Structures are given as structure tokens and as C-alpha cells.
N, C-alpha and C. Protein backbone atom coordinates (compact mmCIF):
# COMPACT_ATOMS: atom_id res chain seq x y z
N ALA A 1 -34.43 80.84 -132.35
CA ALA A 1 -33.71 82.32 -132.54
C ALA A 1 -34.56 83.01 -133.69
N MET A 2 -35.13 82.71 -134.41
CA MET A 2 -35.54 83.55 -135.91
C MET A 2 -36.85 82.69 -136.16
N ASN A 3 -37.93 83.33 -137.00
CA ASN A 3 -38.63 82.86 -137.80
C ASN A 3 -38.97 83.81 -138.92
N LEU A 4 -39.20 83.66 -140.25
CA LEU A 4 -39.25 84.24 -141.13
C LEU A 4 -40.91 83.71 -141.81
N ASN A 5 -41.76 84.91 -142.02
CA ASN A 5 -42.68 84.16 -142.66
C ASN A 5 -43.05 85.52 -143.78
N PRO A 6 -43.04 84.85 -144.85
CA PRO A 6 -42.52 85.22 -146.15
C PRO A 6 -44.19 86.02 -146.58
N ASP A 7 -45.26 85.66 -145.64
CA ASP A 7 -46.31 86.27 -146.42
C ASP A 7 -47.30 87.40 -145.12
N ASP A 8 -46.20 87.71 -144.36
CA ASP A 8 -46.85 88.67 -143.32
C ASP A 8 -47.06 90.57 -143.21
N GLY A 9 -46.48 91.03 -144.17
CA GLY A 9 -46.32 92.12 -144.82
C GLY A 9 -45.02 92.98 -144.05
N HIS A 10 -44.07 92.21 -143.61
CA HIS A 10 -42.55 92.46 -143.02
C HIS A 10 -41.71 91.79 -144.15
N VAL A 11 -40.76 92.54 -144.78
CA VAL A 11 -39.86 92.22 -145.57
C VAL A 11 -38.08 92.04 -144.99
N MET A 12 -37.86 90.90 -144.55
CA MET A 12 -36.82 90.53 -143.86
C MET A 12 -35.73 90.55 -145.08
N HIS A 13 -35.37 91.21 -145.85
CA HIS A 13 -34.18 91.40 -146.83
C HIS A 13 -33.10 91.46 -146.13
N TYR A 14 -31.69 91.49 -147.02
CA TYR A 14 -30.60 91.60 -146.84
C TYR A 14 -30.09 92.50 -145.70
N ARG A 15 -30.22 93.54 -145.52
CA ARG A 15 -30.08 94.36 -144.69
C ARG A 15 -31.11 94.67 -143.41
N ARG A 16 -32.12 94.48 -143.54
CA ARG A 16 -33.20 94.28 -142.32
C ARG A 16 -33.05 93.33 -141.12
N LEU A 17 -32.40 94.01 -140.14
CA LEU A 17 -32.08 92.82 -138.81
C LEU A 17 -31.40 91.62 -138.68
N TRP A 18 -31.08 91.22 -139.86
CA TRP A 18 -30.57 90.01 -139.58
C TRP A 18 -29.19 90.45 -139.11
N ALA A 19 -28.33 91.29 -138.99
CA ALA A 19 -27.26 91.69 -137.98
C ALA A 19 -27.52 92.38 -136.74
N ASP A 20 -28.69 92.66 -136.68
CA ASP A 20 -29.15 93.82 -135.51
C ASP A 20 -29.08 92.78 -134.24
N ASP A 21 -29.01 93.37 -133.20
CA ASP A 21 -28.97 93.08 -131.59
C ASP A 21 -29.74 93.17 -130.89
N SER A 22 -31.24 93.13 -131.53
CA SER A 22 -32.79 92.79 -130.85
C SER A 22 -33.66 92.31 -131.09
N ASP A 23 -34.65 92.37 -130.64
CA ASP A 23 -35.70 91.29 -130.45
C ASP A 23 -36.53 91.99 -131.97
N PHE A 24 -37.30 91.16 -132.16
CA PHE A 24 -38.47 91.74 -133.38
C PHE A 24 -39.60 90.98 -133.12
N GLY A 25 -40.51 91.19 -133.31
CA GLY A 25 -42.20 90.35 -133.23
C GLY A 25 -42.14 90.31 -131.66
N THR A 26 -43.65 89.20 -131.44
CA THR A 26 -43.55 88.65 -130.03
C THR A 26 -43.41 87.43 -130.08
N LEU A 27 -43.50 86.69 -128.96
CA LEU A 27 -43.39 85.35 -128.57
C LEU A 27 -44.54 84.69 -129.19
N GLN A 28 -45.69 85.25 -128.57
CA GLN A 28 -46.97 84.86 -129.14
C GLN A 28 -47.41 84.97 -130.66
N ASN A 29 -46.40 85.42 -131.49
CA ASN A 29 -46.61 85.50 -133.09
C ASN A 29 -45.53 84.76 -133.87
N ALA A 30 -44.60 84.17 -132.87
CA ALA A 30 -43.59 84.01 -133.11
C ALA A 30 -43.21 82.42 -134.77
N PHE A 31 -44.49 82.00 -134.51
CA PHE A 31 -44.19 80.89 -135.78
C PHE A 31 -45.13 81.66 -136.90
N THR A 32 -45.75 82.41 -136.43
CA THR A 32 -46.59 83.18 -137.68
C THR A 32 -46.45 84.29 -138.07
N LYS A 33 -45.35 84.88 -137.87
CA LYS A 33 -44.69 86.41 -138.36
C LYS A 33 -43.41 86.42 -138.06
N ASP A 34 -42.65 87.08 -138.63
CA ASP A 34 -41.60 87.16 -138.78
C ASP A 34 -40.62 87.74 -137.17
N TYR A 35 -39.90 86.78 -136.81
CA TYR A 35 -39.98 86.93 -135.11
C TYR A 35 -38.20 86.51 -134.95
N ILE A 36 -37.47 87.83 -134.30
CA ILE A 36 -36.19 87.45 -133.83
C ILE A 36 -35.71 87.50 -132.48
N ASN A 37 -35.34 86.59 -131.53
CA ASN A 37 -35.72 86.67 -130.35
C ASN A 37 -33.95 86.64 -129.98
N ALA A 38 -33.34 87.81 -129.74
CA ALA A 38 -32.14 88.58 -129.55
C ALA A 38 -31.03 87.63 -128.17
N THR A 39 -31.67 87.11 -127.39
CA THR A 39 -31.32 86.14 -126.23
C THR A 39 -31.17 85.07 -126.89
N VAL A 40 -31.91 84.35 -127.77
CA VAL A 40 -31.63 82.93 -127.92
C VAL A 40 -30.70 83.02 -129.25
N ARG A 41 -30.40 84.03 -129.96
CA ARG A 41 -29.62 84.19 -131.24
C ARG A 41 -28.41 84.92 -131.06
N SER A 42 -28.06 85.44 -129.58
CA SER A 42 -26.49 85.64 -129.24
C SER A 42 -25.74 84.43 -128.17
N LYS A 43 -26.62 83.47 -128.01
CA LYS A 43 -25.83 82.20 -127.18
C LYS A 43 -25.20 81.43 -128.26
N PRO A 44 -23.99 80.50 -127.78
CA PRO A 44 -23.37 80.00 -129.32
C PRO A 44 -24.11 78.87 -129.33
N ALA A 45 -23.78 78.57 -130.25
CA ALA A 45 -24.65 77.59 -131.66
C ALA A 45 -23.84 76.46 -132.03
N LYS A 46 -24.44 75.19 -132.29
CA LYS A 46 -23.50 73.85 -132.30
C LYS A 46 -24.19 73.34 -134.08
N TYR A 47 -25.56 74.30 -133.76
CA TYR A 47 -26.27 73.11 -135.15
C TYR A 47 -26.83 74.42 -135.29
N ILE A 48 -27.51 74.03 -136.92
CA ILE A 48 -28.61 75.13 -137.42
C ILE A 48 -29.82 74.61 -138.31
N ALA A 49 -30.82 74.40 -137.80
CA ALA A 49 -32.08 73.98 -138.09
C ALA A 49 -33.05 74.68 -138.79
N LEU A 50 -33.06 74.43 -140.32
CA LEU A 50 -33.92 75.14 -141.20
C LEU A 50 -35.64 74.37 -141.27
N VAL A 51 -36.58 74.90 -140.89
CA VAL A 51 -37.75 74.16 -140.81
C VAL A 51 -38.45 75.02 -141.75
N ARG A 52 -39.46 74.19 -142.37
CA ARG A 52 -40.94 75.00 -143.54
C ARG A 52 -41.85 73.92 -142.72
N HIS A 53 -42.44 75.07 -142.07
CA HIS A 53 -43.26 74.98 -141.62
C HIS A 53 -44.84 76.12 -142.14
N HIS A 54 -46.01 75.04 -141.45
CA HIS A 54 -47.04 75.79 -141.40
C HIS A 54 -48.04 76.53 -140.16
N GLY A 55 -47.53 77.68 -139.49
CA GLY A 55 -47.86 78.09 -138.68
C GLY A 55 -47.29 77.15 -137.16
N ALA A 56 -47.63 77.33 -135.83
CA ALA A 56 -47.41 76.25 -135.11
C ALA A 56 -47.41 74.75 -134.96
N GLY A 57 -47.39 73.90 -135.47
CA GLY A 57 -47.71 72.57 -135.50
C GLY A 57 -47.86 71.80 -137.00
N THR A 58 -47.71 72.46 -137.96
CA THR A 58 -47.47 71.72 -139.01
C THR A 58 -46.36 71.87 -139.71
N PHE A 59 -45.27 71.15 -140.15
CA PHE A 59 -44.20 71.55 -141.35
C PHE A 59 -44.36 70.23 -142.37
N ASP A 60 -43.70 70.37 -143.42
CA ASP A 60 -43.41 69.44 -144.21
C ASP A 60 -41.61 69.40 -144.49
N ALA A 61 -40.80 70.12 -144.30
CA ALA A 61 -39.64 69.59 -144.52
C ALA A 61 -38.88 70.51 -143.34
N ALA A 62 -37.56 69.70 -143.12
CA ALA A 62 -36.49 70.48 -142.24
C ALA A 62 -34.99 70.23 -142.21
N LYS A 63 -34.14 70.17 -141.89
CA LYS A 63 -32.87 70.18 -142.40
C LYS A 63 -32.16 70.66 -141.29
N VAL A 64 -30.95 70.12 -140.81
CA VAL A 64 -30.18 70.17 -139.97
C VAL A 64 -28.74 70.25 -140.07
N TRP A 65 -27.76 71.33 -139.79
CA TRP A 65 -26.23 71.30 -140.21
C TRP A 65 -25.55 71.25 -139.20
N LYS A 66 -24.64 70.95 -139.27
CA LYS A 66 -23.71 70.92 -138.08
C LYS A 66 -22.73 72.74 -138.06
N LEU A 67 -22.70 73.57 -137.70
CA LEU A 67 -21.80 74.69 -138.00
C LEU A 67 -20.17 74.61 -137.58
N LYS A 68 -19.57 74.99 -138.52
CA LYS A 68 -17.91 74.67 -138.65
C LYS A 68 -17.36 75.22 -137.17
N ARG A 69 -17.92 76.40 -136.35
CA ARG A 69 -17.35 76.82 -135.15
C ARG A 69 -18.76 76.71 -134.27
N SER A 70 -18.58 75.90 -133.08
CA SER A 70 -19.63 76.03 -132.21
C SER A 70 -19.58 76.84 -131.05
N ASN A 71 -18.37 77.51 -131.36
CA ASN A 71 -18.53 78.76 -129.76
C ASN A 71 -19.05 80.48 -130.89
N LYS A 72 -19.63 80.35 -131.88
CA LYS A 72 -20.11 81.14 -132.46
C LYS A 72 -21.47 81.42 -132.33
N SER A 73 -22.35 82.28 -131.94
CA SER A 73 -23.98 82.77 -131.99
C SER A 73 -24.31 82.99 -133.49
N LEU A 74 -25.54 82.47 -133.85
CA LEU A 74 -26.05 83.08 -134.95
C LEU A 74 -25.81 84.36 -135.00
N LEU A 75 -26.05 85.33 -134.37
CA LEU A 75 -26.06 86.81 -134.46
C LEU A 75 -24.45 86.99 -134.84
N HIS A 76 -23.94 86.57 -134.50
CA HIS A 76 -21.89 86.92 -134.88
C HIS A 76 -22.23 86.35 -135.96
N TRP A 77 -22.42 85.01 -136.41
CA TRP A 77 -22.41 84.83 -138.15
C TRP A 77 -23.52 85.53 -139.31
N PHE A 78 -23.83 86.14 -138.70
CA PHE A 78 -24.31 87.75 -139.26
C PHE A 78 -24.02 88.84 -139.46
N LYS A 79 -23.04 88.54 -138.83
CA LYS A 79 -22.36 90.26 -138.35
C LYS A 79 -20.81 89.85 -139.22
N GLU A 80 -20.50 88.48 -139.82
CA GLU A 80 -19.37 88.30 -140.44
C GLU A 80 -19.33 88.77 -141.50
N SER A 81 -18.30 89.04 -142.03
CA SER A 81 -17.73 89.18 -143.73
C SER A 81 -18.76 88.63 -144.64
N LYS A 82 -18.38 89.00 -145.73
CA LYS A 82 -19.22 88.47 -146.85
C LYS A 82 -19.01 87.04 -146.92
N ASN A 83 -19.75 86.20 -147.56
CA ASN A 83 -19.35 84.40 -147.94
C ASN A 83 -18.71 84.04 -147.08
N THR A 84 -19.45 83.56 -145.88
CA THR A 84 -18.99 82.88 -144.73
C THR A 84 -19.46 81.70 -144.89
N ASP A 85 -18.98 80.64 -145.07
CA ASP A 85 -18.89 79.22 -145.71
C ASP A 85 -19.24 78.60 -144.16
N ALA A 86 -20.37 78.15 -143.59
CA ALA A 86 -20.65 78.39 -142.10
C ALA A 86 -20.88 76.87 -141.39
N THR A 87 -21.16 76.03 -142.43
CA THR A 87 -21.40 74.41 -142.21
C THR A 87 -20.42 74.09 -142.76
N ALA A 88 -20.19 72.57 -141.51
CA ALA A 88 -19.32 71.48 -142.14
C ALA A 88 -19.85 70.39 -142.97
N GLY A 89 -20.12 70.84 -144.03
CA GLY A 89 -20.37 70.37 -145.50
C GLY A 89 -21.96 70.02 -145.28
N SER A 90 -22.74 69.14 -145.90
CA SER A 90 -23.95 69.16 -145.79
C SER A 90 -24.42 68.85 -144.80
N HIS A 91 -26.20 68.78 -145.23
CA HIS A 91 -27.10 68.72 -143.91
C HIS A 91 -26.52 67.39 -143.24
N ILE A 92 -27.16 66.99 -141.88
CA ILE A 92 -26.78 66.17 -141.13
C ILE A 92 -28.31 65.38 -140.69
N TYR A 93 -29.27 65.74 -141.27
CA TYR A 93 -30.16 65.27 -140.82
C TYR A 93 -30.94 66.12 -141.71
N LYS A 94 -32.58 65.44 -142.64
CA LYS A 94 -32.94 65.71 -143.79
C LYS A 94 -34.48 65.00 -143.40
N TYR A 95 -35.36 65.94 -143.54
CA TYR A 95 -36.96 65.43 -143.33
C TYR A 95 -37.60 66.31 -144.35
N SER A 96 -38.38 65.47 -145.44
CA SER A 96 -39.34 65.87 -146.04
C SER A 96 -40.67 65.55 -147.11
N THR A 97 -41.79 65.84 -146.70
CA THR A 97 -43.05 65.57 -147.05
C THR A 97 -43.22 65.58 -148.53
N ARG A 98 -42.74 66.73 -149.10
CA ARG A 98 -42.97 66.75 -150.24
C ARG A 98 -41.88 67.71 -151.08
N SER A 99 -41.25 67.50 -152.04
CA SER A 99 -40.37 68.77 -152.80
C SER A 99 -41.00 69.63 -153.62
N HIS A 100 -39.54 70.66 -153.64
CA HIS A 100 -40.33 71.74 -154.60
C HIS A 100 -38.71 72.26 -155.14
N GLU A 101 -39.09 71.97 -156.70
CA GLU A 101 -37.28 71.82 -157.24
C GLU A 101 -36.91 73.71 -157.26
N ASP A 102 -37.65 74.40 -156.91
CA ASP A 102 -37.60 75.87 -157.00
C ASP A 102 -37.18 76.08 -155.68
N ASP A 103 -37.04 75.31 -154.47
CA ASP A 103 -37.02 75.86 -153.29
C ASP A 103 -35.33 75.79 -153.03
N ALA A 104 -34.97 76.78 -152.61
CA ALA A 104 -33.33 77.01 -152.43
C ALA A 104 -32.67 76.40 -151.28
N ILE A 105 -33.27 76.38 -150.49
CA ILE A 105 -32.81 75.59 -149.07
C ILE A 105 -33.16 73.75 -149.21
N PHE A 106 -34.48 73.05 -149.83
CA PHE A 106 -34.78 72.22 -149.53
C PHE A 106 -34.52 71.45 -150.76
N THR A 107 -33.93 72.07 -151.68
CA THR A 107 -33.71 71.31 -152.78
C THR A 107 -32.26 70.44 -152.90
N TYR A 108 -31.36 71.25 -152.43
CA TYR A 108 -30.06 70.77 -152.86
C TYR A 108 -29.71 70.34 -151.11
N ASP A 109 -28.41 69.28 -151.71
CA ASP A 109 -28.08 68.64 -150.45
C ASP A 109 -26.39 68.86 -150.10
N SER A 110 -26.14 70.24 -149.90
CA SER A 110 -24.43 71.18 -149.46
C SER A 110 -24.69 71.81 -148.26
N GLY A 111 -23.46 72.50 -148.39
CA GLY A 111 -23.92 73.56 -146.97
C GLY A 111 -24.10 74.66 -147.33
N LEU A 112 -24.34 75.18 -146.22
CA LEU A 112 -24.49 76.63 -146.36
C LEU A 112 -23.52 77.61 -146.21
N ILE A 113 -23.89 78.89 -146.89
CA ILE A 113 -23.09 79.83 -146.96
C ILE A 113 -23.75 81.02 -146.32
N PHE A 114 -23.19 82.05 -145.53
CA PHE A 114 -24.22 83.07 -144.60
C PHE A 114 -23.14 84.42 -145.66
N ASN A 115 -24.02 85.35 -145.60
CA ASN A 115 -23.79 86.72 -145.91
C ASN A 115 -22.97 86.77 -147.27
N LYS A 116 -23.71 85.89 -148.11
CA LYS A 116 -23.36 85.88 -149.60
C LYS A 116 -23.45 87.25 -150.50
N LYS A 117 -22.29 87.42 -151.21
CA LYS A 117 -22.61 88.61 -151.55
C LYS A 117 -21.91 88.57 -152.96
N TRP A 118 -22.14 88.89 -154.10
CA TRP A 118 -21.81 88.98 -155.55
C TRP A 118 -22.38 90.73 -155.94
N GLY A 119 -21.70 91.04 -156.63
CA GLY A 119 -22.33 92.42 -157.27
C GLY A 119 -22.36 93.43 -156.36
N ASP A 120 -23.53 94.07 -156.79
CA ASP A 120 -24.33 94.70 -155.55
C ASP A 120 -25.67 93.78 -154.79
N ASN A 121 -25.75 92.62 -154.85
CA ASN A 121 -26.72 91.67 -154.51
C ASN A 121 -25.82 90.90 -153.09
N GLY A 122 -27.15 90.41 -152.40
CA GLY A 122 -26.53 89.60 -151.22
C GLY A 122 -27.86 88.67 -151.02
N ILE A 123 -27.24 88.07 -149.94
CA ILE A 123 -28.31 86.88 -149.35
C ILE A 123 -27.87 86.17 -147.82
N ARG A 124 -28.57 86.45 -147.42
CA ARG A 124 -28.10 86.18 -146.12
C ARG A 124 -27.67 84.54 -145.68
N VAL A 125 -28.77 83.78 -146.19
CA VAL A 125 -28.44 82.22 -145.84
C VAL A 125 -28.85 81.75 -147.16
N VAL A 126 -28.11 80.62 -147.80
CA VAL A 126 -28.02 80.25 -149.44
C VAL A 126 -27.46 78.86 -148.83
N ASN A 127 -28.06 78.34 -149.61
CA ASN A 127 -27.64 76.59 -149.58
C ASN A 127 -26.41 77.00 -151.11
N ASP A 128 -25.01 76.04 -150.94
CA ASP A 128 -24.12 76.22 -151.58
C ASP A 128 -24.40 75.47 -152.99
N GLY A 129 -25.38 74.18 -153.03
CA GLY A 129 -26.04 73.72 -154.18
C GLY A 129 -26.34 75.17 -155.21
N VAL A 130 -27.02 76.50 -154.61
CA VAL A 130 -27.41 77.21 -155.67
C VAL A 130 -26.40 77.87 -156.25
N THR A 131 -25.26 78.47 -155.37
CA THR A 131 -24.57 79.26 -155.61
C THR A 131 -23.66 79.19 -157.48
N PRO A 132 -23.66 78.08 -157.85
CA PRO A 132 -23.65 78.08 -159.24
C PRO A 132 -24.15 78.63 -160.25
N HIS A 133 -25.64 78.97 -159.56
CA HIS A 133 -26.56 79.44 -160.33
C HIS A 133 -26.42 81.17 -160.20
N ILE A 134 -25.78 81.76 -159.12
CA ILE A 134 -25.46 83.34 -159.06
C ILE A 134 -24.56 83.64 -160.11
N GLY A 135 -24.86 84.65 -160.94
CA GLY A 135 -24.10 85.22 -162.13
C GLY A 135 -23.26 86.23 -161.35
N LYS A 136 -22.18 86.80 -162.24
CA LYS A 136 -21.31 88.02 -161.38
C LYS A 136 -22.78 89.09 -161.97
N ASP A 137 -22.87 90.08 -161.12
CA ASP A 137 -23.91 91.08 -161.22
C ASP A 137 -25.16 90.74 -161.97
N GLN A 138 -25.83 89.45 -161.61
CA GLN A 138 -26.98 88.66 -162.20
C GLN A 138 -27.62 88.80 -160.83
N ASP A 139 -29.15 89.46 -161.27
CA ASP A 139 -29.80 89.31 -159.95
C ASP A 139 -30.85 87.54 -159.96
N ASP A 140 -29.73 86.67 -159.18
CA ASP A 140 -30.50 85.24 -159.71
C ASP A 140 -30.21 84.98 -158.73
N GLY A 141 -29.90 85.16 -157.19
CA GLY A 141 -29.75 84.71 -156.41
C GLY A 141 -31.18 84.06 -155.22
N ALA A 142 -30.72 83.23 -154.59
CA ALA A 142 -32.22 82.41 -153.93
C ALA A 142 -31.96 82.01 -152.78
N GLY A 143 -32.93 82.18 -151.25
CA GLY A 143 -32.06 81.67 -149.99
C GLY A 143 -33.15 82.31 -149.17
N LEU A 144 -32.67 82.84 -147.94
CA LEU A 144 -33.32 83.25 -146.98
C LEU A 144 -32.27 85.11 -146.97
N GLY A 145 -33.57 85.99 -146.73
CA GLY A 145 -32.84 87.36 -147.08
C GLY A 145 -32.05 87.98 -148.04
N VAL A 146 -32.90 88.26 -149.01
CA VAL A 146 -32.17 88.55 -150.44
C VAL A 146 -32.68 89.92 -150.37
N SER A 147 -31.40 90.75 -151.31
CA SER A 147 -31.57 91.90 -151.86
C SER A 147 -30.83 91.77 -153.27
N TRP A 148 -31.44 92.37 -154.28
CA TRP A 148 -30.92 92.19 -155.39
C TRP A 148 -30.49 94.05 -155.59
N SER A 149 -29.53 94.62 -155.15
CA SER A 149 -29.12 95.40 -154.94
C SER A 149 -29.26 95.99 -153.47
N ILE A 150 -28.40 95.81 -153.36
CA ILE A 150 -28.32 95.71 -151.06
C ILE A 150 -28.37 97.48 -150.97
N GLY A 151 -28.30 98.10 -151.83
CA GLY A 151 -28.59 99.96 -151.19
C GLY A 151 -30.05 100.37 -151.55
N ASN A 152 -30.65 99.71 -152.08
CA ASN A 152 -32.22 99.86 -152.47
C ASN A 152 -33.35 99.17 -152.13
N ASN A 153 -33.91 99.61 -151.72
CA ASN A 153 -34.80 98.26 -150.91
C ASN A 153 -36.47 97.78 -152.24
N LYS A 154 -36.01 98.42 -153.39
CA LYS A 154 -37.51 98.13 -154.16
C LYS A 154 -36.92 96.53 -154.68
N TRP A 155 -36.11 95.99 -154.50
CA TRP A 155 -35.39 94.79 -154.80
C TRP A 155 -35.50 93.95 -153.70
N GLY A 156 -35.58 94.29 -152.47
CA GLY A 156 -35.56 92.92 -150.86
C GLY A 156 -36.60 92.27 -151.38
N ILE A 157 -36.06 91.10 -150.80
CA ILE A 157 -37.36 89.98 -150.77
C ILE A 157 -36.16 88.68 -149.83
N GLU A 158 -37.98 88.18 -149.06
CA GLU A 158 -37.27 87.62 -147.99
C GLU A 158 -37.16 86.53 -148.21
N ILE A 159 -37.64 85.36 -149.05
CA ILE A 159 -37.50 84.27 -149.71
C ILE A 159 -37.58 84.30 -151.26
N PRO A 160 -37.02 84.12 -151.82
CA PRO A 160 -37.03 84.34 -153.10
C PRO A 160 -36.80 82.59 -153.74
N LEU A 161 -37.67 82.15 -154.71
CA LEU A 161 -37.24 80.95 -155.46
C LEU A 161 -36.17 80.83 -156.23
N VAL A 162 -35.50 79.55 -156.37
CA VAL A 162 -34.77 79.73 -157.46
C VAL A 162 -34.75 79.98 -158.89
N GLN A 163 -34.56 80.95 -159.59
CA GLN A 163 -35.10 81.70 -160.40
C GLN A 163 -35.19 80.88 -162.02
N LYS A 164 -36.05 81.54 -162.47
CA LYS A 164 -36.41 81.19 -164.01
C LYS A 164 -36.55 82.25 -164.85
N PHE A 165 -36.03 83.02 -165.30
CA PHE A 165 -36.34 84.20 -166.12
C PHE A 165 -37.43 84.36 -167.40
N TYR A 166 -37.89 85.47 -166.77
CA TYR A 166 -39.09 85.16 -168.11
C TYR A 166 -39.27 87.35 -168.47
N PRO A 167 -39.54 87.19 -169.94
CA PRO A 167 -39.89 88.70 -170.28
C PRO A 167 -40.37 89.82 -168.99
N GLY A 168 -39.39 90.72 -169.32
CA GLY A 168 -40.16 91.91 -168.55
C GLY A 168 -39.30 91.90 -167.05
N GLY A 169 -38.88 91.03 -166.74
CA GLY A 169 -38.17 90.88 -165.49
C GLY A 169 -39.08 90.46 -164.28
N ARG A 170 -39.47 89.21 -164.50
CA ARG A 170 -40.71 89.02 -163.01
C ARG A 170 -39.80 87.74 -162.99
N PHE A 171 -39.39 87.75 -161.44
CA PHE A 171 -39.24 86.65 -160.70
C PHE A 171 -40.13 86.08 -159.54
N TYR A 172 -39.68 84.83 -159.34
CA TYR A 172 -40.64 84.01 -158.21
C TYR A 172 -40.32 84.22 -156.98
N ILE A 173 -40.98 84.29 -155.52
CA ILE A 173 -40.67 84.17 -154.44
C ILE A 173 -41.64 83.65 -153.95
N GLN A 174 -41.76 83.27 -152.50
CA GLN A 174 -42.55 82.68 -151.42
C GLN A 174 -43.39 83.69 -150.96
N GLY A 175 -44.67 84.10 -150.98
CA GLY A 175 -45.29 84.85 -150.31
C GLY A 175 -45.27 86.43 -150.56
N LYS A 176 -46.11 87.01 -150.35
CA LYS A 176 -45.70 88.56 -150.79
C LYS A 176 -45.20 89.29 -150.39
N ASP A 177 -44.14 89.15 -149.24
CA ASP A 177 -43.07 89.87 -148.88
C ASP A 177 -41.76 90.24 -149.44
N HIS A 178 -41.48 91.26 -150.21
CA HIS A 178 -40.99 92.06 -151.01
C HIS A 178 -40.74 93.32 -151.55
N GLY A 179 -39.92 94.15 -151.97
CA GLY A 179 -39.54 95.28 -152.33
C GLY A 179 -41.07 95.54 -153.38
N GLU A 180 -40.64 96.85 -154.29
CA GLU A 180 -41.58 97.43 -155.02
C GLU A 180 -41.42 96.25 -156.54
N GLY A 181 -40.30 95.58 -156.87
CA GLY A 181 -40.25 95.18 -157.97
C GLY A 181 -41.58 93.84 -158.16
N GLU A 182 -41.19 93.77 -159.50
CA GLU A 182 -42.69 92.86 -160.40
C GLU A 182 -42.03 91.64 -159.63
N ALA A 183 -43.03 90.64 -159.22
CA ALA A 183 -43.32 89.38 -158.44
C ALA A 183 -44.30 88.37 -158.68
N ALA A 184 -43.98 86.99 -159.13
CA ALA A 184 -45.29 86.30 -159.23
C ALA A 184 -45.00 85.36 -157.73
N HIS A 185 -46.24 85.32 -156.74
CA HIS A 185 -46.39 84.18 -155.61
C HIS A 185 -47.04 83.25 -155.81
N VAL A 186 -46.09 82.76 -154.58
CA VAL A 186 -46.53 81.16 -154.29
C VAL A 186 -46.10 80.66 -152.80
N ILE A 187 -46.73 79.81 -152.44
CA ILE A 187 -46.64 79.96 -151.01
C ILE A 187 -46.25 78.06 -150.76
N PHE A 188 -45.15 77.45 -150.54
CA PHE A 188 -45.36 76.04 -150.34
C PHE A 188 -45.40 75.63 -148.92
């Protein structure tokens, strides 16, 4: 239904396309660029799988969660109000060939929350194990589709890492897809 590439030049932050009822990208580039298939995303789903891959053919991490309500589509989940506890507990399947302590999805063994909001910040998909690290009005959330200041594209980030704060407000993200704020880049 969706693919995020944090290094393709298009930023899928909190406000961009997550709750839109439209296609984005091409099937030909579905595994190499940001991609949304509106038809698939509009169908009811029982499970959600998140995969960290390197193009169309190799991957090094995958997790599957059972959604709390199997009669809802992924699009419906993203149109829900804030802080939606979406999964029935922790993942039901996990595969990983390597781990990264800063990876907000694959490091923590807990459920997923959709549309997490606090202060003027938001994350479209966050692992519940990361939420204790999220401070009130503090720009420290990590997951998929993040905006630290939802109304300002300057701090829109596709896939930030679990943050370690350094002088000067520098933050760590996967890839180069982010707003104008200063960032250090890595690719897992």
C-alpha cells in the first residue's frame, strides 16, 4: 500500500499525503521512491507489515502486527483522530539480520500508535516503545512521517531516528528527506 524512501528527494512528513485519498508515485518505482497505492490502502486490513529494505529484492528487517480492528483500511487509520492505539499489542512476527539502537520501529518490541500528537508535533506511525521518550512540547519523537511543528514544513522529516541531543539543535534522520532544519544523515 505504501513505500517510504528517506533519500529520494520527496519528504513524507506528518501532513504530506498520509491521509489523502490519492495515488502517489509509480508502480515502476514502488520500491525505490515514495509510493502510495490508493486502491490497496483503501481496502480493509487485518495486519500491517513494516519492512526495512534496500530496493526491490533485499531487506534486513521486518515486523508484522495484528491491527485491533480488521474492518478498517490503512487510509481510515490515518484519517483517525490523534493517538490511535492501532495494534493488538506487540508484533506477531519479527525478522532482523542486524539491529540499530536508534531505529524507532525495529528496536522496540511493542505495539504501534498511529497519528501520535503532542504539543505542535506529530508522528504518523510510532512504536509504543518510543513514546516514553517523547516529551511534552519537546521535539524528540521518532517513527515514520514526522513533523516537529506540524504547521511548519521546516521540521518535516520522513524517518527520524531515536534522538540524541547535541548542541545546536542537530538531529539524526535516515536519508536526506527533511525540511530546512539541520540534520545528520544515515541510511540503515
